[in-house]
Amino acid sequence: MKQISSHMAGVVIDILVSLGDNISSGMEIAILESMKMQLPIEAEIEGIVKEIKVSKGDFVNEGEPVLILE
């Protein structure tokens, strides 16, 4: 199972992908707000979005899965 995880703790303010989307390395997949800054989560691997593990407004911890890829 391939997954993309959050690189820091923060609140999800936007999700930039949908189920079935093709993801490439370096692509922005979500935006977090942490310490009043908006920071993108970028994909480090390629794949197709199988499951989105978070929703807008969710708090995520560092290392928590955001997307599951096929």
PDB file of N, CA and C in Angstrom:
ATOM      1  N   MET A   1       0.840  -1.178   0.000  1.00  0.00           N
ATOM      2  CA  MET A   1       0.000   0.000   0.000  1.00  0.00           C
ATOM      3  C   MET A   1       0.890   1.248   0.000  1.00  0.00           C
ATOM      4  N   LYS A   2       0.689   2.116  -0.972  1.00  0.00           N
ATOM      5  CA  LYS A   2       1.436   3.365  -1.034  1.00  0.00           C
ATOM      6  C   LYS A   2       0.590   4.454  -0.381  1.00  0.00           C
ATOM      7  N   GLN A   3       1.249   5.304   0.397  1.00  0.00           N
ATOM      8  CA  GLN A   3       0.515   6.396   1.019  1.00  0.00           C
ATOM      9  C   GLN A   3       1.349   7.665   1.027  1.00  0.00           C
ATOM     10  N   ILE A   4       0.653   8.786   1.093  1.00  0.00           N
ATOM     11  CA  ILE A   4       1.301  10.078   1.248  1.00  0.00           C
ATOM     12  C   ILE A   4       0.897  10.585   2.618  1.00  0.00           C
ATOM     13  N   SER A   5       1.890  10.970   3.415  1.00  0.00           N
ATOM     14  CA  SER A   5       1.651  11.394   4.790  1.00  0.00           C
ATOM     15  C   SER A   5       1.963  12.874   4.959  1.00  0.00           C
ATOM     16  N   SER A   6       1.398  13.440   6.003  1.00  0.00           N
ATOM     17  CA  SER A   6       1.655  14.836   6.339  1.00  0.00           C
ATOM     18  C   SER A   6       3.081  14.976   6.862  1.00  0.00           C
ATOM     19  N   HIS A   7       3.783  16.023   6.443  1.00  0.00           N
ATOM     20  CA  HIS A   7       5.149  16.250   6.892  1.00  0.00           C
ATOM     21  C   HIS A   7       5.205  17.120   8.140  1.00  0.00           C
ATOM     22  N   MET A   8       4.045  17.615   8.581  1.00  0.00           N
ATOM     23  CA  MET A   8       3.976  18.414   9.802  1.00  0.00           C
ATOM     24  C   MET A   8       2.549  18.396  10.337  1.00  0.00           C
ATOM     25  N   ALA A   9       2.382  18.837  11.572  1.00  0.00           N
ATOM     26  CA  ALA A   9       1.053  18.924  12.174  1.00  0.00           C
ATOM     27  C   ALA A   9       0.372  20.212  11.718  1.00  0.00           C
ATOM     28  N   GLY A  10      -0.931  20.141  11.511  1.00  0.00           N
ATOM     29  CA  GLY A  10      -1.688  21.323  11.124  1.00  0.00           C
ATOM     30  C   GLY A  10      -3.121  20.978  10.765  1.00  0.00           C
ATOM     31  N   VAL A  11      -3.870  21.989  10.371  1.00  0.00           N
ATOM     32  CA  VAL A  11      -5.271  21.827   9.983  1.00  0.00           C
ATOM     33  C   VAL A  11      -5.361  21.813   8.460  1.00  0.00           C
ATOM     34  N   VAL A  12      -6.088  20.832   7.928  1.00  0.00           N
ATOM     35  CA  VAL A  12      -6.288  20.731   6.476  1.00  0.00           C
ATOM     36  C   VAL A  12      -7.259  21.842   6.064  1.00  0.00           C
ATOM     37  N   ILE A  13      -6.789  22.765   5.203  1.00  0.00           N
ATOM     38  CA  ILE A  13      -7.681  23.836   4.751  1.00  0.00           C
ATOM     39  C   ILE A  13      -8.147  23.634   3.310  1.00  0.00           C
ATOM     40  N   ASP A  14      -7.469  22.746   2.564  1.00  0.00           N
ATOM     41  CA  ASP A  14      -7.928  22.445   1.204  1.00  0.00           C
ATOM     42  C   ASP A  14      -7.352  21.113   0.754  1.00  0.00           C
ATOM     43  N   ILE A  15      -8.140  20.368  -0.004  1.00  0.00           N
ATOM     44  CA  ILE A  15      -7.693  19.125  -0.627  1.00  0.00           C
ATOM     45  C   ILE A  15      -7.732  19.366  -2.125  1.00  0.00           C
ATOM     46  N   LEU A  16      -6.608  19.170  -2.786  1.00  0.00           N
ATOM     47  CA  LEU A  16      -6.460  19.559  -4.189  1.00  0.00           C
ATOM     48  C   LEU A  16      -6.629  18.406  -5.178  1.00  0.00           C
ATOM     49  N   VAL A  17      -6.951  17.204  -4.683  1.00  0.00           N
ATOM     50  CA  VAL A  17      -7.117  16.037  -5.549  1.00  0.00           C
ATOM     51  C   VAL A  17      -8.445  15.349  -5.253  1.00  0.00           C
ATOM     52  N   SER A  18      -8.842  14.470  -6.162  1.00  0.00           N
ATOM     53  CA  SER A  18     -10.082  13.695  -6.014  1.00  0.00           C
ATOM     54  C   SER A  18      -9.777  12.219  -6.215  1.00  0.00           C
ATOM     55  N   LEU A  19     -10.716  11.367  -5.811  1.00  0.00           N
ATOM     56  CA  LEU A  19     -10.563   9.932  -6.041  1.00  0.00           C
ATOM     57  C   LEU A  19     -10.369   9.674  -7.526  1.00  0.00           C
ATOM     58  N   GLY A  20      -9.426   8.790  -7.848  1.00  0.00           N
ATOM     59  CA  GLY A  20      -9.170   8.424  -9.235  1.00  0.00           C
ATOM     60  C   GLY A  20      -8.153   9.296  -9.943  1.00  0.00           C
ATOM     61  N   ASP A  21      -7.748  10.410  -9.329  1.00  0.00           N
ATOM     62  CA  ASP A  21      -6.755  11.296  -9.952  1.00  0.00           C
ATOM     63  C   ASP A  21      -5.390  10.620 -10.032  1.00  0.00           C
ATOM     64  N   ASN A  22      -4.661  10.895 -11.116  1.00  0.00           N
ATOM     65  CA  ASN A  22      -3.268  10.460 -11.228  1.00  0.00           C
ATOM     66  C   ASN A  22      -2.393  11.473 -10.512  1.00  0.00           C
ATOM     67  N   ILE A  23      -1.546  10.990  -9.622  1.00  0.00           N
ATOM     68  CA  ILE A  23      -0.655  11.839  -8.835  1.00  0.00           C
ATOM     69  C   ILE A  23       0.767  11.613  -9.316  1.00  0.00           C
ATOM     70  N   SER A  24       1.493  12.713  -9.499  1.00  0.00           N
ATOM     71  CA  SER A  24       2.904  12.603  -9.869  1.00  0.00           C
ATOM     72  C   SER A  24       3.754  13.207  -8.759  1.00  0.00           C
ATOM     73  N   SER A  25       4.993  12.804  -8.709  1.00  0.00           N
ATOM     74  CA  SER A  25       5.919  13.290  -7.698  1.00  0.00           C
ATOM     75  C   SER A  25       6.054  14.809  -7.794  1.00  0.00           C
ATOM     76  N   GLY A  26       5.970  15.489  -6.652  1.00  0.00           N
ATOM     77  CA  GLY A  26       6.096  16.933  -6.605  1.00  0.00           C
ATOM     78  C   GLY A  26       4.774  17.676  -6.698  1.00  0.00           C
ATOM     79  N   MET A  27       3.700  16.955  -7.017  1.00  0.00           N
ATOM     80  CA  MET A  27       2.376  17.560  -7.149  1.00  0.00           C
ATOM     81  C   MET A  27       1.822  17.940  -5.775  1.00  0.00           C
ATOM     82  N   GLU A  28       1.219  19.129  -5.655  1.00  0.00           N
ATOM     83  CA  GLU A  28       0.587  19.534  -4.409  1.00  0.00           C
ATOM     84  C   GLU A  28      -0.749  18.809  -4.285  1.00  0.00           C
ATOM     85  N   ILE A  29      -0.969  18.155  -3.130  1.00  0.00           N
ATOM     86  CA  ILE A  29      -2.194  17.382  -2.944  1.00  0.00           C
ATOM     87  C   ILE A  29      -3.144  17.993  -1.918  1.00  0.00           C
ATOM     88  N   ALA A  30      -2.606  18.789  -1.004  1.00  0.00           N
ATOM     89  CA  ALA A  30      -3.431  19.414   0.033  1.00  0.00           C
ATOM     90  C   ALA A  30      -2.687  20.619   0.594  1.00  0.00           C
ATOM     91  N   ILE A  31      -3.444  21.475   1.294  1.00  0.00           N
ATOM     92  CA  ILE A  31      -2.854  22.641   1.946  1.00  0.00           C
ATOM     93  C   ILE A  31      -3.153  22.543   3.439  1.00  0.00           C
ATOM     94  N   LEU A  32      -2.096  22.705   4.241  1.00  0.00           N
ATOM     95  CA  LEU A  32      -2.230  22.726   5.698  1.00  0.00           C
ATOM     96  C   LEU A  32      -2.039  24.140   6.204  1.00  0.00           C
ATOM     97  N   GLU A  33      -2.680  24.440   7.316  1.00  0.00           N
ATOM     98  CA  GLU A  33      -2.400  25.683   8.017  1.00  0.00           C
ATOM     99  C   GLU A  33      -1.752  25.321   9.346  1.00  0.00           C
ATOM    100  N   SER A  34      -0.586  25.878   9.573  1.00  0.00           N
ATOM    101  CA  SER A  34       0.156  25.621  10.795  1.00  0.00           C
ATOM    102  C   SER A  34       0.851  26.912  11.204  1.00  0.00           C
ATOM    103  N   MET A  35       0.664  27.326  12.425  1.00  0.00           N
ATOM    104  CA  MET A  35       1.263  28.553  12.949  1.00  0.00           C
ATOM    105  C   MET A  35       0.954  29.751  12.041  1.00  0.00           C
ATOM    106  N   LYS A  36      -0.308  29.840  11.579  1.00  0.00           N
ATOM    107  CA  LYS A  36      -0.813  30.925  10.736  1.00  0.00           C
ATOM    108  C   LYS A  36      -0.164  30.985   9.350  1.00  0.00           C
ATOM    109  N   MET A  37       0.505  29.898   8.951  1.00  0.00           N
ATOM    110  CA  MET A  37       1.089  29.812   7.603  1.00  0.00           C
ATOM    111  C   MET A  37       0.371  28.723   6.829  1.00  0.00           C
ATOM    112  N   GLN A  38       0.195  28.936   5.527  1.00  0.00           N
ATOM    113  CA  GLN A  38      -0.381  27.912   4.667  1.00  0.00           C
ATOM    114  C   GLN A  38       0.745  27.192   3.951  1.00  0.00           C
ATOM    115  N   LEU A  39       0.797  25.873   4.132  1.00  0.00           N
ATOM    116  CA  LEU A  39       1.881  25.071   3.584  1.00  0.00           C
ATOM    117  C   LEU A  39       1.325  23.903   2.779  1.00  0.00           C
ATOM    118  N   PRO A  40       1.854  23.666   1.579  1.00  0.00           N
ATOM    119  CA  PRO A  40       1.359  22.545   0.766  1.00  0.00           C
ATOM    120  C   PRO A  40       1.941  21.213   1.231  1.00  0.00           C
ATOM    121  N   ILE A  41       1.157  20.163   1.041  1.00  0.00           N
ATOM    122  CA  ILE A  41       1.676  18.792   1.158  1.00  0.00           C
ATOM    123  C   ILE A  41       1.917  18.352  -0.274  1.00  0.00           C
ATOM    124  N   GLU A  42       3.137  17.946  -0.578  1.00  0.00           N
ATOM    125  CA  GLU A  42       3.487  17.514  -1.927  1.00  0.00           C
ATOM    126  C   GLU A  42       3.684  16.009  -1.968  1.00  0.00           C
ATOM    127  N   ALA A  43       3.271  15.409  -3.076  1.00  0.00           N
ATOM    128  CA  ALA A  43       3.443  13.972  -3.277  1.00  0.00           C
ATOM    129  C   ALA A  43       4.922  13.650  -3.466  1.00  0.00           C
ATOM    130  N   GLU A  44       5.353  12.583  -2.829  1.00  0.00           N
ATOM    131  CA  GLU A  44       6.728  12.112  -2.994  1.00  0.00           C
ATOM    132  C   GLU A  44       6.784  10.880  -3.891  1.00  0.00           C
ATOM    133  N   ILE A  45       5.595  10.323  -4.182  1.00  0.00           N
ATOM    134  CA  ILE A  45       5.496   9.127  -5.016  1.00  0.00           C
ATOM    135  C   ILE A  45       4.376   9.328  -6.034  1.00  0.00           C
ATOM    136  N   GLU A  46       4.333   8.439  -7.021  1.00  0.00           N
ATOM    137  CA  GLU A  46       3.301   8.503  -8.060  1.00  0.00           C
ATOM    138  C   GLU A  46       2.259   7.420  -7.830  1.00  0.00           C
ATOM    139  N   GLY A  47       1.069   7.646  -8.331  1.00  0.00           N
ATOM    140  CA  GLY A  47       0.024   6.648  -8.238  1.00  0.00           C
ATOM    141  C   GLY A  47      -1.332   7.245  -8.531  1.00  0.00           C
ATOM    142  N   ILE A  48      -2.378   6.451  -8.307  1.00  0.00           N
ATOM    143  CA  ILE A  48      -3.759   6.877  -8.507  1.00  0.00           C
ATOM    144  C   ILE A  48      -4.423   6.935  -7.131  1.00  0.00           C
ATOM    145  N   VAL A  49      -5.148   8.025  -6.868  1.00  0.00           N
ATOM    146  CA  VAL A  49      -5.786   8.209  -5.560  1.00  0.00           C
ATOM    147  C   VAL A  49      -6.858   7.145  -5.363  1.00  0.00           C
ATOM    148  N   LYS A  50      -6.656   6.305  -4.346  1.00  0.00           N
ATOM    149  CA  LYS A  50      -7.602   5.238  -4.012  1.00  0.00           C
ATOM    150  C   LYS A  50      -8.501   5.664  -2.848  1.00  0.00           C
ATOM    151  N   GLU A  51      -7.920   6.419  -1.895  1.00  0.00           N
ATOM    152  CA  GLU A  51      -8.675   6.837  -0.710  1.00  0.00           C
ATOM    153  C   GLU A  51      -8.101   8.149  -0.182  1.00  0.00           C
ATOM    154  N   ILE A  52      -8.984   9.051   0.212  1.00  0.00           N
ATOM    155  CA  ILE A  52      -8.580  10.298   0.859  1.00  0.00           C
ATOM    156  C   ILE A  52      -8.906  10.139   2.339  1.00  0.00           C
ATOM    157  N   LYS A  53      -7.871  10.196   3.178  1.00  0.00           N
ATOM    158  CA  LYS A  53      -8.016   9.890   4.596  1.00  0.00           C
ATOM    159  C   LYS A  53      -8.399  11.086   5.460  1.00  0.00           C
ATOM    160  N   VAL A  54      -8.392  12.300   4.899  1.00  0.00           N
ATOM    161  CA  VAL A  54      -8.688  13.501   5.680  1.00  0.00           C
ATOM    162  C   VAL A  54      -9.750  14.340   4.969  1.00  0.00           C
ATOM    163  N   SER A  55     -10.339  15.254   5.710  1.00  0.00           N
ATOM    164  CA  SER A  55     -11.316  16.201   5.173  1.00  0.00           C
ATOM    165  C   SER A  55     -10.897  17.608   5.556  1.00  0.00           C
ATOM    166  N   LYS A  56     -11.453  18.596   4.861  1.00  0.00           N
ATOM    167  CA  LYS A  56     -11.193  19.983   5.233  1.00  0.00           C
ATOM    168  C   LYS A  56     -11.587  20.186   6.686  1.00  0.00           C
ATOM    169  N   GLY A  57     -10.727  20.886   7.425  1.00  0.00           N
ATOM    170  CA  GLY A  57     -10.998  21.159   8.830  1.00  0.00           C
ATOM    171  C   GLY A  57     -10.398  20.151   9.787  1.00  0.00           C
ATOM    172  N   ASP A  58      -9.947  19.006   9.269  1.00  0.00           N
ATOM    173  CA  ASP A  58      -9.328  17.984  10.124  1.00  0.00           C
ATOM    174  C   ASP A  58      -7.955  18.443  10.594  1.00  0.00           C
ATOM    175  N   PHE A  59      -7.602  18.086  11.829  1.00  0.00           N
ATOM    176  CA  PHE A  59      -6.242  18.294  12.317  1.00  0.00           C
ATOM    177  C   PHE A  59      -5.456  17.017  12.035  1.00  0.00           C
ATOM    178  N   VAL A  60      -4.277  17.154  11.462  1.00  0.00           N
ATOM    179  CA  VAL A  60      -3.417  15.999  11.207  1.00  0.00           C
ATOM    180  C   VAL A  60      -2.093  16.175  11.940  1.00  0.00           C
ATOM    181  N   ASN A  61      -1.550  15.076  12.394  1.00  0.00           N
ATOM    182  CA  ASN A  61      -0.244  15.067  13.028  1.00  0.00           C
ATOM    183  C   ASN A  61       0.830  14.735  12.006  1.00  0.00           C
ATOM    184  N   GLU A  62       2.058  15.071  12.312  1.00  0.00           N
ATOM    185  CA  GLU A  62       3.178  14.717  11.456  1.00  0.00           C
ATOM    186  C   GLU A  62       3.211  13.207  11.261  1.00  0.00           C
ATOM    187  N   GLY A  63       3.333  12.759  10.010  1.00  0.00           N
ATOM    188  CA  GLY A  63       3.409  11.339   9.691  1.00  0.00           C
ATOM    189  C   GLY A  63       2.062  10.664   9.492  1.00  0.00           C
ATOM    190  N   GLU A  64       0.962  11.383   9.717  1.00  0.00           N
ATOM    191  CA  GLU A  64      -0.372  10.802   9.553  1.00  0.00           C
ATOM    192  C   GLU A  64      -0.710  10.683   8.060  1.00  0.00           C
ATOM    193  N   PRO A  65      -1.266   9.544   7.644  1.00  0.00           N
ATOM    194  CA  PRO A  65      -1.620   9.366   6.223  1.00  0.00           C
ATOM    195  C   PRO A  65      -2.681  10.364   5.765  1.00  0.00           C
ATOM    196  N   VAL A  66      -2.466  10.929   4.574  1.00  0.00           N
ATOM    197  CA  VAL A  66      -3.419  11.858   3.970  1.00  0.00           C
ATOM    198  C   VAL A  66      -4.109  11.197   2.782  1.00  0.00           C
ATOM    199  N   LEU A  67      -3.337  10.483   1.949  1.00  0.00           N
ATOM    200  CA  LEU A  67      -3.872   9.771   0.780  1.00  0.00           C
ATOM    201  C   LEU A  67      -3.342   8.351   0.731  1.00  0.00           C
ATOM    202  N   ILE A  68      -4.175   7.463   0.206  1.00  0.00           N
ATOM    203  CA  ILE A  68      -3.750   6.099  -0.115  1.00  0.00           C
ATOM    204  C   ILE A  68      -3.761   5.996  -1.645  1.00  0.00           C
ATOM    205  N   LEU A  69      -2.687   5.482  -2.216  1.00  0.00           N
ATOM    206  CA  LEU A  69      -2.557   5.365  -3.667  1.00  0.00           C
ATOM    207  C   LEU A  69      -2.520   3.916  -4.095  1.00  0.00           C
ATOM    208  N   GLU A  70      -2.952   3.661  -5.346  1.00  0.00           N
ATOM    209  CA  GLU A  70      -2.818   2.320  -5.938  1.00  0.00           C
ATOM    210  C   GLU A  70      -1.570   2.291  -6.778  1.00  0.00           C
TER     211      GLU A  70
END
